Protein backbone atom coordinates (compact mmCIF):
# COMPACT_ATOMS: atom_id res chain seq x y z
CA MET A 1 -17.01 16.27 17.18
CA TYR A 2 -16.85 19.62 15.40
CA GLN A 3 -19.82 20.31 13.17
CA TYR A 4 -18.76 22.06 9.97
CA THR A 5 -20.70 25.17 8.98
CA GLU A 6 -21.93 26.23 5.55
CA PHE A 7 -18.96 28.60 5.42
CA ASP A 8 -16.55 25.73 6.09
CA GLN A 9 -18.16 23.66 3.35
CA ALA A 10 -18.09 26.50 0.81
CA PHE A 11 -14.46 27.30 1.67
CA VAL A 12 -13.30 23.73 1.14
CA GLN A 13 -15.16 23.43 -2.17
CA GLN A 14 -13.78 26.74 -3.41
CA ARG A 15 -10.28 25.53 -2.60
CA ALA A 16 -10.92 22.34 -4.58
CA ASP A 17 -12.15 24.45 -7.51
CA GLN A 18 -9.00 26.59 -7.33
CA PHE A 19 -6.82 23.50 -7.39
CA ARG A 20 -8.63 22.11 -10.43
CA ASP A 21 -7.95 25.34 -12.29
CA GLN A 22 -4.28 25.32 -11.22
CA LEU A 23 -3.88 21.69 -12.29
CA GLN A 24 -5.46 22.32 -15.69
CA ARG A 25 -3.20 25.32 -16.32
CA TRP A 26 -0.14 23.24 -15.45
CA GLN A 27 -1.28 20.38 -17.67
CA THR A 28 -1.73 22.72 -20.63
CA GLY A 29 1.62 24.43 -20.11
CA LYS A 30 0.18 27.75 -18.92
CA LEU A 31 1.75 27.22 -15.49
CA SER A 32 5.38 26.18 -15.16
CA GLU A 33 6.53 23.34 -12.95
CA ASP A 34 8.23 25.83 -10.62
CA ASP A 35 5.02 27.86 -10.32
CA PHE A 36 2.81 24.80 -9.87
CA ARG A 37 4.97 23.10 -7.22
CA PRO A 38 4.09 25.43 -4.29
CA LEU A 39 0.42 25.37 -5.29
CA ARG A 40 0.16 21.58 -5.25
CA LEU A 41 2.19 21.39 -2.03
CA GLN A 42 -0.16 23.82 -0.32
CA ASN A 43 -2.97 21.44 -1.22
CA GLY A 44 -1.19 18.35 0.09
CA TRP A 45 0.23 16.93 -3.16
CA TYR A 46 3.85 15.72 -3.13
CA VAL A 47 5.77 13.94 -5.86
CA GLN A 48 7.52 11.02 -4.18
CA ARG A 49 9.95 8.31 -5.30
CA TYR A 50 7.61 6.65 -7.79
CA ALA A 51 4.33 8.53 -7.80
CA PRO A 52 2.43 11.46 -6.26
CA MET A 53 1.46 11.30 -2.61
CA LEU A 54 -1.62 13.05 -1.23
CA ARG A 55 -1.82 14.09 2.42
CA VAL A 56 -5.37 14.68 3.66
CA ALA A 57 -5.86 16.85 6.75
CA VAL A 58 -7.69 15.42 9.75
CA PRO A 59 -7.68 18.35 12.19
CA TYR A 60 -6.79 17.20 15.73
CA GLY A 61 -7.58 13.64 14.59
CA GLU A 62 -11.40 13.78 14.68
CA ILE A 63 -13.14 12.04 11.80
CA ASN A 64 -16.65 10.76 11.09
CA ALA A 65 -17.94 7.66 9.36
CA ALA A 66 -18.99 9.52 6.21
CA GLN A 67 -15.44 10.84 5.83
CA ILE A 68 -13.96 7.38 6.38
CA ARG A 69 -16.22 5.98 3.66
CA VAL A 70 -15.03 8.65 1.22
CA LEU A 71 -11.42 7.78 2.12
CA ALA A 72 -12.32 4.15 1.39
CA ARG A 73 -13.63 5.18 -2.01
CA VAL A 74 -10.46 7.17 -2.74
CA ALA A 75 -8.36 4.12 -1.80
CA ARG A 76 -10.42 1.76 -3.90
CA GLU A 77 -10.98 3.91 -6.99
CA TYR A 78 -7.99 6.25 -7.21
CA ASP A 79 -4.99 4.86 -5.28
CA GLU A 80 -3.66 2.91 -8.23
CA PRO A 81 -0.64 3.99 -10.30
CA GLU A 82 -0.31 3.83 -14.01
CA ALA A 83 0.90 0.35 -15.03
CA ALA A 84 4.31 1.49 -16.26
CA VAL A 85 4.97 3.42 -13.04
CA PHE A 86 4.07 0.49 -10.83
CA GLN A 87 6.10 -1.96 -12.91
CA ALA A 88 9.16 0.26 -12.59
CA ALA A 89 8.62 0.52 -8.85
CA MET A 90 8.29 -3.25 -8.48
CA GLU A 91 11.46 -3.85 -10.50
CA GLY A 92 13.37 -1.30 -8.45
CA GLN A 93 12.32 -2.86 -5.17
CA ALA A 94 12.94 -6.41 -6.40
CA LYS A 95 16.61 -5.50 -6.87
CA LEU A 96 16.73 -4.80 -3.13
CA GLY A 97 15.38 -8.26 -2.30
CA THR A 98 11.79 -7.51 -1.29
CA THR A 99 8.75 -5.62 -2.49
CA PHE A 100 6.34 -3.88 -0.15
CA LEU A 101 4.25 -1.61 -2.34
CA PRO A 102 0.57 -1.94 -1.37
CA THR A 103 -1.94 -0.05 -3.49
CA HIS A 104 -5.57 0.89 -2.78
CA CYS A 105 -4.51 1.83 0.76
CA ALA A 106 -4.81 4.81 3.06
CA HIS A 107 -2.02 5.41 5.56
CA PHE A 108 -2.67 6.92 9.02
CA THR A 109 0.20 9.23 10.01
CA THR A 110 1.70 10.35 13.29
CA ARG A 111 0.20 13.81 12.78
CA THR A 112 -3.26 12.23 12.54
CA ASN A 113 -3.45 12.87 8.81
CA VAL A 114 -4.22 10.33 6.08
CA GLN A 115 -1.94 9.73 3.09
CA PHE A 116 -2.30 8.00 -0.28
CA ASN A 117 0.81 6.97 -2.21
CA TRP A 118 -0.31 6.12 -5.75
CA ILE A 119 -2.90 8.62 -7.02
CA PRO A 120 -1.87 9.99 -10.45
CA LEU A 121 -1.82 13.78 -10.69
CA SER A 122 -4.17 13.48 -13.66
CA LYS A 123 -6.87 12.40 -11.19
CA ALA A 124 -5.93 14.81 -8.41
CA ALA A 125 -8.70 17.36 -8.99
CA ASP A 126 -11.38 14.64 -9.05
CA VAL A 127 -10.08 13.37 -5.71
CA MET A 128 -10.15 16.84 -4.16
CA ASP A 129 -13.74 17.34 -5.34
CA LEU A 130 -14.72 14.01 -3.78
CA LEU A 131 -12.99 14.84 -0.49
CA ALA A 132 -14.71 18.23 -0.38
CA THR A 133 -18.14 16.58 -0.30
CA VAL A 134 -17.36 15.54 3.29
CA ASN A 135 -15.27 18.61 4.27
CA LEU A 136 -11.91 16.92 3.75
CA HIS A 137 -8.99 18.64 2.04
CA GLY A 138 -5.21 18.88 1.95
CA ILE A 139 -4.85 22.55 2.82
CA GLN A 140 -1.53 23.28 4.59
CA THR A 141 -0.61 19.64 5.03
CA SER A 142 2.64 20.52 3.29
CA GLY A 143 4.82 23.53 2.60
CA ASN A 144 6.52 26.03 4.89
CA CYS A 145 3.40 26.92 6.80
CA ILE A 146 1.61 26.07 10.04
CA ARG A 147 0.58 22.45 9.61
CA ASN A 148 -2.28 20.41 11.07
CA THR A 149 -2.61 21.17 14.81
CA THR A 150 -2.63 17.95 16.81
CA THR A 151 -3.81 17.00 20.25
CA ASP A 152 -4.58 14.07 22.51
CA ALA A 153 -6.64 11.26 20.97
CA LEU A 154 -8.63 11.23 24.24
CA ALA A 155 -9.34 14.98 24.08
CA GLY A 156 -12.72 15.81 25.54
CA ILE A 157 -13.19 12.40 27.16
CA ALA A 158 -10.01 11.79 29.20
CA VAL A 159 -10.37 11.26 32.92
CA ASP A 160 -7.21 13.29 33.64
CA GLU A 161 -8.22 16.26 31.49
CA ALA A 162 -8.48 19.70 33.08
CA VAL A 163 -9.53 21.56 29.91
CA ASP A 164 -10.80 20.23 26.57
CA PRO A 165 -8.20 21.36 23.99
CA ARG A 166 -10.36 20.82 20.90
CA PRO A 167 -12.09 24.24 20.74
CA TYR A 168 -8.72 25.96 21.02
CA ALA A 169 -7.29 23.70 18.33
CA GLU A 170 -10.21 24.55 16.06
CA ILE A 171 -9.81 28.28 16.65
CA LEU A 172 -6.14 27.98 15.76
CA ARG A 173 -7.01 25.93 12.66
CA GLN A 174 -9.41 28.57 11.39
CA TRP A 175 -7.04 31.43 12.17
CA THR A 176 -3.88 29.89 10.68
CA THR A 177 -5.52 28.63 7.48
CA LEU A 178 -4.23 30.79 4.61
CA HIS A 179 -2.96 33.43 7.07
CA PRO A 180 -0.37 35.44 5.05
CA GLU A 181 2.05 35.68 7.99
CA PHE A 182 2.18 31.88 8.17
CA ALA A 183 2.17 30.96 4.47
CA PHE A 184 5.89 31.37 3.68
CA LEU A 185 7.81 30.60 6.85
CA PRO A 186 11.50 29.64 6.80
CA ARG A 187 10.36 26.01 7.28
CA LYS A 188 7.33 23.95 8.26
CA PHE A 189 5.75 24.68 11.65
CA LYS A 190 3.86 22.29 13.91
CA ILE A 191 1.67 22.96 16.96
CA ALA A 192 0.36 20.46 19.53
CA ILE A 193 -2.06 21.10 22.40
CA THR A 194 -2.94 19.07 25.47
CA GLY A 195 -5.32 19.76 28.33
CA ALA A 196 -4.57 16.62 30.33
CA ALA A 197 -2.22 15.76 33.18
CA GLU A 198 -0.46 13.23 30.94
CA ASP A 199 1.10 14.65 27.81
CA ARG A 200 -0.22 12.24 25.19
CA ALA A 201 0.32 14.85 22.45
CA ALA A 202 4.16 14.81 22.60
CA THR A 203 4.15 18.61 22.92
CA GLY A 204 7.85 18.79 23.77
CA TRP A 205 8.74 17.65 20.26
CA HIS A 206 6.81 20.43 18.50
CA ASP A 207 7.67 23.89 17.21
CA VAL A 208 5.04 25.13 19.65
CA GLY A 209 3.69 22.99 22.47
CA LEU A 210 0.70 24.26 24.45
CA HIS A 211 -0.44 22.94 27.83
CA LEU A 212 -3.87 24.11 28.93
CA VAL A 213 -3.78 24.77 32.69
CA LYS A 214 -5.76 26.54 35.39
CA ASN A 215 -4.16 29.01 37.78
CA ALA A 216 -4.91 29.40 41.48
CA ALA A 217 -7.97 31.51 40.65
CA GLY A 218 -9.34 28.82 38.36
CA GLU A 219 -8.65 30.84 35.21
CA VAL A 220 -7.75 28.96 32.03
CA GLY A 221 -4.48 29.68 30.30
CA PHE A 222 -1.57 28.15 28.42
CA LYS A 223 1.88 27.06 29.45
CA VAL A 224 3.83 27.76 26.27
CA PHE A 225 6.82 25.83 24.91
CA VAL A 226 8.73 26.74 21.74
CA GLY A 227 11.50 25.19 19.67
CA GLY A 228 11.02 21.43 19.79
CA GLY A 229 11.65 19.18 16.83
CA MET A 230 13.26 16.03 15.52
CA GLY A 231 15.24 15.63 12.29
CA ARG A 232 19.00 16.17 12.10
CA THR A 233 19.06 18.11 15.36
CA PRO A 234 16.63 16.68 17.93
CA VAL A 235 15.64 19.37 20.44
CA ILE A 236 13.07 19.46 23.24
CA ALA A 237 10.99 22.65 23.32
CA THR A 238 11.85 25.43 25.79
CA GLN A 239 9.19 26.80 28.12
CA ILE A 240 8.82 30.52 27.46
CA ARG A 241 5.59 31.28 29.33
CA GLU A 242 4.31 29.82 32.61
CA PHE A 243 0.79 31.19 32.14
CA LEU A 244 -0.72 32.97 29.15
CA PRO A 245 -4.43 33.91 29.36
CA TRP A 246 -6.30 31.67 26.93
CA ASN A 247 -7.77 34.56 24.94
CA GLN A 248 -4.27 35.84 24.09
CA ILE A 249 -3.06 32.67 22.41
CA MET A 250 -3.38 33.97 18.83
CA ASN A 251 -1.64 37.27 19.67
CA TYR A 252 1.18 35.33 21.29
CA ILE A 253 1.62 32.83 18.45
CA GLU A 254 1.63 35.79 16.07
CA ALA A 255 4.56 37.19 18.07
CA ILE A 256 6.35 33.82 18.06
CA VAL A 257 6.02 33.49 14.30
CA ARG A 258 6.84 37.13 13.50
CA VAL A 259 10.17 36.83 15.32
CA TYR A 260 10.81 33.51 13.59
CA ASN A 261 9.99 35.04 10.21
CA GLU A 262 12.35 37.92 10.89
CA LEU A 263 15.30 36.02 12.39
CA GLY A 264 14.95 32.44 11.13
CA ARG A 265 17.53 31.28 8.60
CA ARG A 266 16.46 30.94 4.98
CA ASP A 267 19.90 30.24 3.51
CA ASN A 268 20.08 26.63 4.76
CA LYS A 269 16.96 24.48 5.01
CA TYR A 270 18.68 22.19 7.52
CA LYS A 271 19.07 25.12 9.91
CA ALA A 272 15.79 26.88 9.15
CA ARG A 273 13.50 25.27 11.75
CA ILE A 274 12.55 27.43 14.73
CA LYS A 275 14.33 24.99 17.06
CA ILE A 276 17.69 26.15 15.62
CA LEU A 277 16.77 29.78 16.22
CA VAL A 278 15.61 29.19 19.80
CA LYS A 279 18.69 27.12 20.59
CA ALA A 280 21.05 29.70 19.11
CA GLU A 281 19.43 32.81 20.57
CA GLY A 282 18.22 31.46 23.91
CA GLN A 283 16.86 34.21 26.17
CA ALA A 284 17.30 36.77 23.40
CA TYR A 285 14.65 34.96 21.35
CA ILE A 286 12.26 34.83 24.33
CA ASP A 287 12.81 38.54 25.00
CA ALA A 288 12.13 39.34 21.35
CA VAL A 289 8.86 37.38 21.46
CA GLU A 290 7.76 39.16 24.63
CA GLU A 291 8.53 42.54 23.10
CA GLU A 292 6.69 41.67 19.89
CA TYR A 293 3.74 40.44 21.96
CA ARG A 294 3.74 43.70 23.93
CA GLN A 295 3.65 45.66 20.69
CA ILE A 296 0.78 43.57 19.34
CA VAL A 297 -1.29 44.02 22.50
CA GLU A 298 -0.41 47.56 23.61
CA VAL A 299 0.27 49.30 20.31
CA ASP A 300 -1.89 47.35 17.88
CA GLY A 301 -4.68 46.78 20.42
CA GLY A 302 -4.46 43.00 20.51
CA PRO A 303 -6.28 42.41 17.21
CA HIS A 304 -6.31 38.62 17.63
CA THR A 305 -7.67 38.53 21.18
CA VAL A 306 -10.34 35.81 21.21
CA PRO A 307 -13.71 37.18 22.40
CA GLN A 308 -15.57 35.00 24.85
CA ALA A 309 -18.54 34.94 22.49
CA GLU A 310 -16.38 33.57 19.67
CA PHE A 311 -14.92 30.89 21.90
CA ASP A 312 -18.41 29.93 23.03
CA ARG A 313 -19.56 29.73 19.40
CA VAL A 314 -16.73 27.40 18.43
CA ALA A 315 -17.04 25.30 21.59
CA ALA A 316 -20.77 24.87 20.91
CA MET A 317 -19.91 23.33 17.55
CA PHE A 318 -18.39 20.34 19.35
CA VAL A 319 -21.66 18.53 19.73
CA GLU A 320 -21.64 15.40 21.85
CA PRO A 321 -23.31 12.50 20.07
CA ASP A 322 -26.80 11.32 20.84
CA LEU A 323 -26.35 7.98 22.59
CA SER A 324 -30.02 7.51 23.46
CA SER A 325 -30.46 4.69 20.95
CA HIS A 326 -28.19 2.45 23.02
CA PRO A 327 -29.54 0.24 25.80
CA ALA A 328 -30.45 2.26 28.87
CA ILE A 329 -28.17 0.35 31.24
CA GLY A 330 -26.68 2.17 34.19
CA ALA A 331 -22.94 2.39 34.63
CA GLU A 332 -22.96 0.11 37.66
CA GLN A 333 -24.89 -2.67 35.90
CA ALA A 334 -22.88 -2.30 32.68
CA ASN A 335 -19.60 -2.56 34.55
CA ALA A 336 -20.80 -5.59 36.48
CA GLU A 337 -21.74 -7.36 33.23
CA LEU A 338 -18.38 -6.36 31.73
CA GLN A 339 -16.49 -7.91 34.63
CA ALA A 340 -18.44 -11.14 34.16
CA GLN A 341 -17.55 -11.22 30.45
CA ILE A 342 -13.90 -10.59 31.29
CA ALA A 343 -13.90 -13.46 33.77
CA ALA A 344 -15.45 -15.80 31.21
CA SER A 345 -13.02 -15.07 28.35
CA PRO A 346 -9.24 -14.69 28.77
CA ALA A 347 -8.91 -13.46 25.18
CA PHE A 348 -11.52 -10.75 25.74
CA ALA A 349 -9.89 -9.88 29.06
CA ARG A 350 -6.54 -9.37 27.32
CA TRP A 351 -8.17 -7.10 24.73
CA VAL A 352 -9.89 -5.02 27.41
CA GLN A 353 -6.63 -4.64 29.29
CA ARG A 354 -4.68 -3.54 26.21
CA ASN A 355 -7.13 -1.74 23.93
CA VAL A 356 -9.82 -0.26 26.19
CA HIS A 357 -9.33 3.05 28.01
CA PRO A 358 -11.26 4.83 30.80
CA HIS A 359 -13.76 7.53 29.90
CA ARG A 360 -14.94 10.58 31.80
CA ASN A 361 -18.44 9.07 31.53
CA PRO A 362 -18.29 5.92 33.69
CA ALA A 363 -20.82 4.15 31.43
CA LEU A 364 -18.56 4.60 28.39
CA ARG A 365 -15.12 3.54 27.22
CA ALA A 366 -12.66 4.58 24.52
CA VAL A 367 -11.36 1.73 22.37
CA THR A 368 -8.23 1.55 20.22
CA LEU A 369 -8.49 -0.50 17.04
CA SER A 370 -5.01 -1.64 16.12
CA PHE A 371 -3.88 -1.21 12.52
CA LYS A 372 -0.68 -3.17 13.17
CA ARG A 373 -0.68 -6.74 11.93
CA PRO A 374 1.47 -9.07 9.82
CA GLY A 375 1.48 -8.48 6.08
CA GLN A 376 0.35 -4.87 6.32
CA ALA A 377 2.40 -1.73 6.90
CA PRO A 378 1.83 0.00 10.26
CA GLY A 379 -1.04 2.44 9.91
CA ASP A 380 -2.23 1.14 6.52
CA ALA A 381 -5.88 0.38 5.79
CA ASN A 382 -7.33 -0.76 2.48
CA GLY A 383 -10.72 0.24 1.13
CA ASP A 384 -12.55 -2.75 2.60
CA GLN A 385 -11.00 -2.18 6.02
CA LEU A 386 -11.98 1.49 5.94
CA ASP A 387 -15.57 0.62 5.08
CA ALA A 388 -15.60 -1.94 7.90
CA LEU A 389 -14.18 0.69 10.26
CA ALA A 390 -16.96 3.08 9.29
CA ASP A 391 -19.54 0.40 10.06
CA LEU A 392 -18.02 -0.16 13.51
CA MET A 393 -18.04 3.59 14.11
CA ASP A 394 -21.73 3.82 13.23
CA VAL A 395 -22.77 0.86 15.38
CA PHE A 396 -20.57 1.37 18.42
CA SER A 397 -19.25 4.97 18.53
CA ALA A 398 -21.99 7.27 17.26
CA GLY A 399 -20.25 7.51 13.88
CA GLU A 400 -17.09 9.11 15.29
CA ALA A 401 -13.42 8.14 15.61
CA ARG A 402 -10.01 9.64 16.25
CA VAL A 403 -6.86 8.99 14.24
CA THR A 404 -4.09 8.58 16.83
CA HIS A 405 -0.46 9.67 17.05
CA ASP A 406 0.44 5.96 17.12
CA GLN A 407 -1.12 5.33 13.67
CA ASN A 408 -4.18 3.55 15.05
CA VAL A 409 -7.86 4.54 15.28
CA LEU A 410 -9.70 5.21 18.53
CA LEU A 411 -13.48 4.91 19.02
CA PRO A 412 -14.40 7.51 21.66
CA TRP A 413 -18.05 6.74 22.48
CA VAL A 414 -18.37 3.01 23.19
CA HIS A 415 -20.83 1.78 25.83
CA ALA A 416 -19.25 -0.55 28.37
CA SER A 417 -22.20 -2.88 27.79
CA GLU A 418 -21.25 -3.22 24.10
CA LEU A 419 -17.52 -3.85 24.43
CA HIS A 420 -17.88 -7.59 24.01
CA ALA A 421 -19.95 -7.24 20.84
CA LEU A 422 -17.45 -4.71 19.46
CA TRP A 423 -14.57 -7.06 20.24
CA GLN A 424 -16.24 -9.94 18.41
CA GLN A 425 -16.93 -7.88 15.30
CA ALA A 426 -13.50 -6.23 15.30
CA LYS A 427 -11.86 -9.63 15.73
CA ALA A 428 -13.71 -10.98 12.69
CA LEU A 429 -12.39 -8.00 10.69
CA GLY A 430 -8.79 -8.38 11.87
CA LEU A 431 -8.94 -5.11 13.85
CA ALA A 432 -8.75 -6.52 17.38
CA SER A 433 -5.03 -7.15 17.78
CA THR A 434 -4.24 -6.95 21.49
CA ASN A 435 -0.89 -5.27 21.02
CA VAL A 436 -1.60 -1.64 21.90
CA ALA A 437 1.49 -0.06 23.52
CA LEU A 438 3.45 -3.30 23.05
CA LEU A 439 6.43 -3.93 20.79
CA THR A 440 4.48 -4.65 17.59
CA ASP A 441 2.34 -1.53 18.02
CA MET A 442 5.18 0.32 16.35
CA ILE A 443 5.33 3.64 14.53
CA ALA A 444 6.90 3.48 11.06
CA CYS A 445 7.18 5.96 8.22
CA PRO A 446 6.68 4.75 4.60
CA GLY A 447 10.45 4.88 4.16
CA GLY A 448 12.35 4.09 0.98
CA ASP A 449 9.50 2.06 -0.51
CA PHE A 450 7.77 5.37 -1.24
CA CYS A 451 9.68 8.42 -0.04
CA ALA A 452 12.29 10.10 -2.23
CA LEU A 453 14.07 11.47 0.85
CA ALA A 454 14.55 8.11 2.58
CA ASN A 455 17.95 6.45 2.82
CA ALA A 456 16.49 3.03 3.62
CA ARG A 457 13.25 1.12 3.77
CA SER A 458 11.23 1.08 6.99
CA LEU A 459 8.42 -1.31 6.08
CA PRO A 460 10.43 -4.54 5.58
CA ILE A 461 12.09 -3.94 8.97
CA ALA A 462 8.70 -3.40 10.61
CA GLU A 463 7.35 -6.55 8.97
CA ALA A 464 10.33 -8.69 10.03
CA ILE A 465 9.92 -7.57 13.65
CA THR A 466 6.16 -8.09 13.54
CA GLN A 467 6.57 -11.62 12.18
CA ARG A 468 9.13 -12.52 14.84
CA TYR A 469 7.03 -11.29 17.76
CA GLN A 470 3.59 -12.83 17.33
CA ASP A 471 3.43 -14.65 20.68
CA LEU A 472 1.14 -12.47 22.82
CA ASP A 473 2.44 -13.98 26.05
CA GLU A 474 5.97 -13.03 25.04
CA LEU A 475 4.85 -9.52 24.11
CA ASP A 476 3.10 -9.13 27.45
CA ASP A 477 6.19 -10.36 29.27
CA ILE A 478 8.38 -7.82 27.43
CA GLY A 479 5.85 -5.16 28.39
CA GLU A 480 5.12 -1.69 27.12
CA ILE A 481 7.64 -0.36 24.61
CA ASP A 482 7.56 2.45 22.08
CA LEU A 483 9.33 1.17 18.94
CA HIS A 484 9.72 3.87 16.27
CA ILE A 485 11.22 3.37 12.79
CA SER A 486 12.36 6.10 10.37
CA GLY A 487 13.77 5.68 6.87
CA CYS A 488 15.92 8.80 7.13
CA ILE A 489 17.10 11.53 9.49
CA ASN A 490 13.96 13.61 8.84
CA SER A 491 12.40 11.34 11.49
CA CYS A 492 8.87 11.01 10.12
CA GLY A 493 8.80 7.73 12.07
CA HIS A 494 9.83 9.61 15.23
CA HIS A 495 12.79 7.32 15.92
CA HIS A 496 14.27 9.93 18.27
CA SER A 497 11.38 9.56 20.74
CA GLY A 498 11.22 5.76 20.68
CA HIS A 499 12.24 3.72 23.69
CA ILE A 500 13.83 1.81 20.83
CA GLY A 501 14.46 3.79 17.68
CA ILE A 502 15.58 2.46 14.31
CA LEU A 503 16.98 4.90 11.75
CA GLY A 504 17.75 4.05 8.13
CA VAL A 505 21.10 5.41 6.92
CA ASP A 506 23.02 5.20 3.66
CA LYS A 507 26.51 3.66 3.56
CA ASP A 508 28.12 3.42 0.15
CA GLY A 509 24.73 3.25 -1.53
CA LYS A 510 23.47 0.44 0.70
CA GLU A 511 20.79 0.34 3.40
CA TRP A 512 21.99 0.27 7.01
CA TYR A 513 20.26 1.00 10.29
CA GLN A 514 21.22 2.72 13.52
CA VAL A 515 19.54 1.60 16.74
CA THR A 516 18.87 4.09 19.54
CA LEU A 517 17.66 3.46 23.08
CA GLY A 518 16.09 5.62 25.76
CA GLY A 519 14.02 8.09 23.77
CA SER A 520 10.75 9.48 25.09
CA ASP A 521 7.73 11.40 23.82
CA GLY A 522 6.96 12.88 27.25
CA SER A 523 4.02 10.64 28.20
CA THR A 524 3.65 9.00 31.61
CA LEU A 525 4.85 5.70 30.15
CA SER A 526 7.98 7.33 28.73
CA GLY A 527 8.84 9.98 31.28
CA GLU A 528 10.40 13.34 30.43
CA ALA A 529 10.74 13.92 26.69
CA GLY A 530 14.18 13.26 25.25
CA ALA A 531 16.08 11.74 22.34
CA GLY A 532 17.46 8.21 22.35
CA LYS A 533 21.18 7.47 22.08
CA VAL A 534 22.83 5.33 19.41
CA ILE A 535 24.15 1.93 20.47
CA GLY A 536 27.11 0.79 18.44
CA PRO A 537 27.69 0.91 14.68
CA SER A 538 25.07 0.60 11.97
CA PHE A 539 23.47 -2.78 11.29
CA SER A 540 22.36 -4.41 8.05
CA ALA A 541 18.66 -5.02 7.45
CA ALA A 542 19.14 -8.74 8.09
CA GLU A 543 20.79 -8.00 11.43
CA VAL A 544 18.20 -5.61 12.86
CA PRO A 545 15.70 -8.23 14.16
CA ASP A 546 18.55 -10.17 15.83
CA VAL A 547 19.95 -7.00 17.38
CA LEU A 548 16.50 -6.10 18.67
CA GLU A 549 16.09 -9.58 20.15
CA ALA A 550 19.50 -9.32 21.83
CA VAL A 551 18.56 -5.96 23.36
CA LEU A 552 15.25 -7.33 24.65
CA THR A 553 16.90 -10.46 26.03
CA THR A 554 19.38 -8.28 27.92
CA TYR A 555 16.50 -6.29 29.36
CA ARG A 556 14.65 -9.42 30.46
CA ASP A 557 17.81 -10.77 32.07
CA LEU A 558 18.67 -7.58 33.96
CA ARG A 559 15.29 -6.04 34.80
CA GLN A 560 13.95 -5.78 38.32
CA PRO A 561 10.49 -7.19 39.13
CA GLY A 562 7.84 -5.11 37.36
CA GLU A 563 10.42 -2.79 35.78
CA ARG A 564 9.52 -1.44 32.34
CA PHE A 565 12.00 -1.39 29.49
CA ILE A 566 12.51 2.38 29.45
CA ASP A 567 13.09 2.45 33.20
CA ALA A 568 15.57 -0.42 32.99
CA VAL A 569 17.54 1.33 30.24
CA ARG A 570 17.79 4.47 32.36
CA ARG A 571 18.84 2.55 35.45
CA ILE A 572 21.29 0.17 33.79
CA GLY A 573 22.79 2.46 31.17
CA LEU A 574 23.57 1.64 27.55
CA ASP A 575 26.72 -0.45 27.89
CA PRO A 576 25.09 -3.90 28.36
CA PHE A 577 22.79 -3.23 25.42
CA LYS A 578 25.67 -2.07 23.25
CA GLU A 579 27.52 -5.31 23.95
CA ALA A 580 24.41 -7.35 23.22
CA GLY A 581 23.92 -5.57 19.90
CA LYS A 582 27.55 -6.03 18.97
CA ALA A 583 27.38 -9.77 19.72
CA ALA A 584 24.28 -10.11 17.53
CA ARG A 585 26.00 -8.82 14.40
CA HIS A 586 26.29 -11.34 11.59
CA PRO A 587 29.87 -12.24 10.65
CA ALA A 588 31.07 -10.94 7.30
CA PRO A 589 31.67 -13.60 4.58
CA ALA A 590 35.44 -13.31 5.05
CA GLU A 591 35.05 -14.00 8.77
CA VAL A 592 32.91 -17.08 8.09
CA GLU A 593 35.46 -18.41 5.61
CA ALA A 594 38.37 -17.84 8.04
CA GLU A 595 36.49 -19.60 10.82
CA ALA A 596 35.81 -22.59 8.56
CA VAL A 597 39.52 -22.89 7.67
C-alpha cells in the first residue's frame, strides 16, 4: 500500500493543529457557529440527530494494521456520548418501538471511509491528534468539495485488471486536497476509478467515473464519464471521452470542474449536483468542457500535466509487502493442499466459495471478512473487533486491508496455504460469515437512528431481515443479491443501485418504506448500471420483511434453472413482484375487525 512521506505526515499534523485552534476559538466565542460550521465540515465533523459524527478518510480503501488499532482506540475511548445526550436518544428511539444505538463502534461506509457517531465535540481535537499519529484525518470527507476518491477493493491484485488505478487515485488525492478551485463547489463531488474489466467501483453512479484502458498502441488512458449520482434524481454518468491520455487527467478534471463551477446551480441545493447540469445541458456541457480543456492545454500550457517522473515517484510508493516470512510453498503445492482441506470440510468449502477471491499471484488469495451478522449494524465494528481485525491483518495479510464498497473488509495478501488457519481464527472472532454477495450481505446507511436527514430508520429493517434469513442453505438457494437500504432519498445506502432497494419515506410523521427492484451498480453480477423501479405503495416497517419474503418466493417460483434474481426480474418484469408485495401487506385494524364480524 501507499507509504506516506514525511511531508504527508507533517501536513496531516498541521491540519490537526489548525482544527484544534479553530475548535478552541469556537468554544470561547471568538468564532461564531456560522463561521465554525464550514471549518468542522471540512475536517469531517458533522452534527447529527443526537451527537456529532466524525468521518475519517481512507483513501481508495487501503488501510494498515496500525491505523486500524488507532481506530479501535478511538472507538473504545472516545465514541461515547455524554450521559444526558444518550439518555435522550434512547428515550426518543424507545417511543418508536426499538432502540439500535451502539456506542464504541466504528462504521465502514460505502465510500470506504470510517465513521463514528458519538464523539463529543469537546474531544474532537484530541481525536484528530490521535488519528494524525498514523496519517489518518477527515480532510474533505464533507463539504462541497471533491471527496475521497474510491476504487476497486481488488485494485493492484485483480486478475482482470489492465492497469492498477491506485497511483492515479493517489495523484488525484494529493492534487485535489485543499485545491481552491475544488473547495467551494455548488455541491459535493465524487470520483471513482477502475482499471479492471469488471466495474467493481460503481463508476457510473459517480460525478466523475474513470476507466483506465489501453489503446491499440498499448498506451494508457482514461475513458471518462461525468454526471452520475443518486439522491432525488438518480442518473447514470454520460461518457464524454473515449480516450484521454493518462497524463492529462488533472487538466481534464480541472476543465470539468471549472465548467461546473461556472454553470452549476447554487440557488437550489437539490439541483446543484453536476448530474443536473449534465442532464440539462447535454452536448453543450461536453462542448464547454472540451473548450475549457483546450484553453488549459493550449493557452495555459497544460499546467497540471503529470510528468512521467512524478507518476513513477508516486507509483513507487505503493510498496508490495514482504511475504518472505511465510512458508515457502509453491503455488501448485499450496493449491493442492487447499483442495484437500476443502474436500475435508464442507463449512470451510462454503467459506472459500463465498469469501475467497482469485489473486494475480497464483500462490495468494484475497479474502473478504464479513461485518454483517445478527445484532450488529451492517458495517459496524467495535473496539475489540477492530483490534482482532488488526491481528488478523498482521498474521495473514502483511498488515494490510481494504475497506470495501459493500461495508466489509478485504485482506489482499493471504497465502493459499494459510486460508484454513485464517478461517478458523476468523470464525472464532465472528468474522467468518459465509454470506458475501448474498442477501444478508446488505448495504445500509445509519438511517434515522443517527442521521438528522433521515425519514426512517434503516438499522431495524436490516436487523429484521438478517434475523429472518440465517439459514445458509436458503441463502445459497436464493443466490447472489444486492440488497441496499437507505433511510432517506439522499441514498447513502445506495438503494437505487440495489437489485432490491428499500427506501425510508415519511408519511404523516410516520416511518414507511418503498421497495424497488432491478437496480444495478454496473458490476458483472448486476449488469449495466441503472436505478431500480418502485413496486407498489409504501410499506410499514413491520411489513417490509414479509414483502421481501413474498418477492423472493415469487422469484424462486418463476426462475429458470441457474437464473439469478436480477436476471429473473429483467426477464419477467415487475408485475408478478408487485402483486406478491401487495398480497403481503398486513390488513389495517379496521379490515381485521370487519373480517371478524
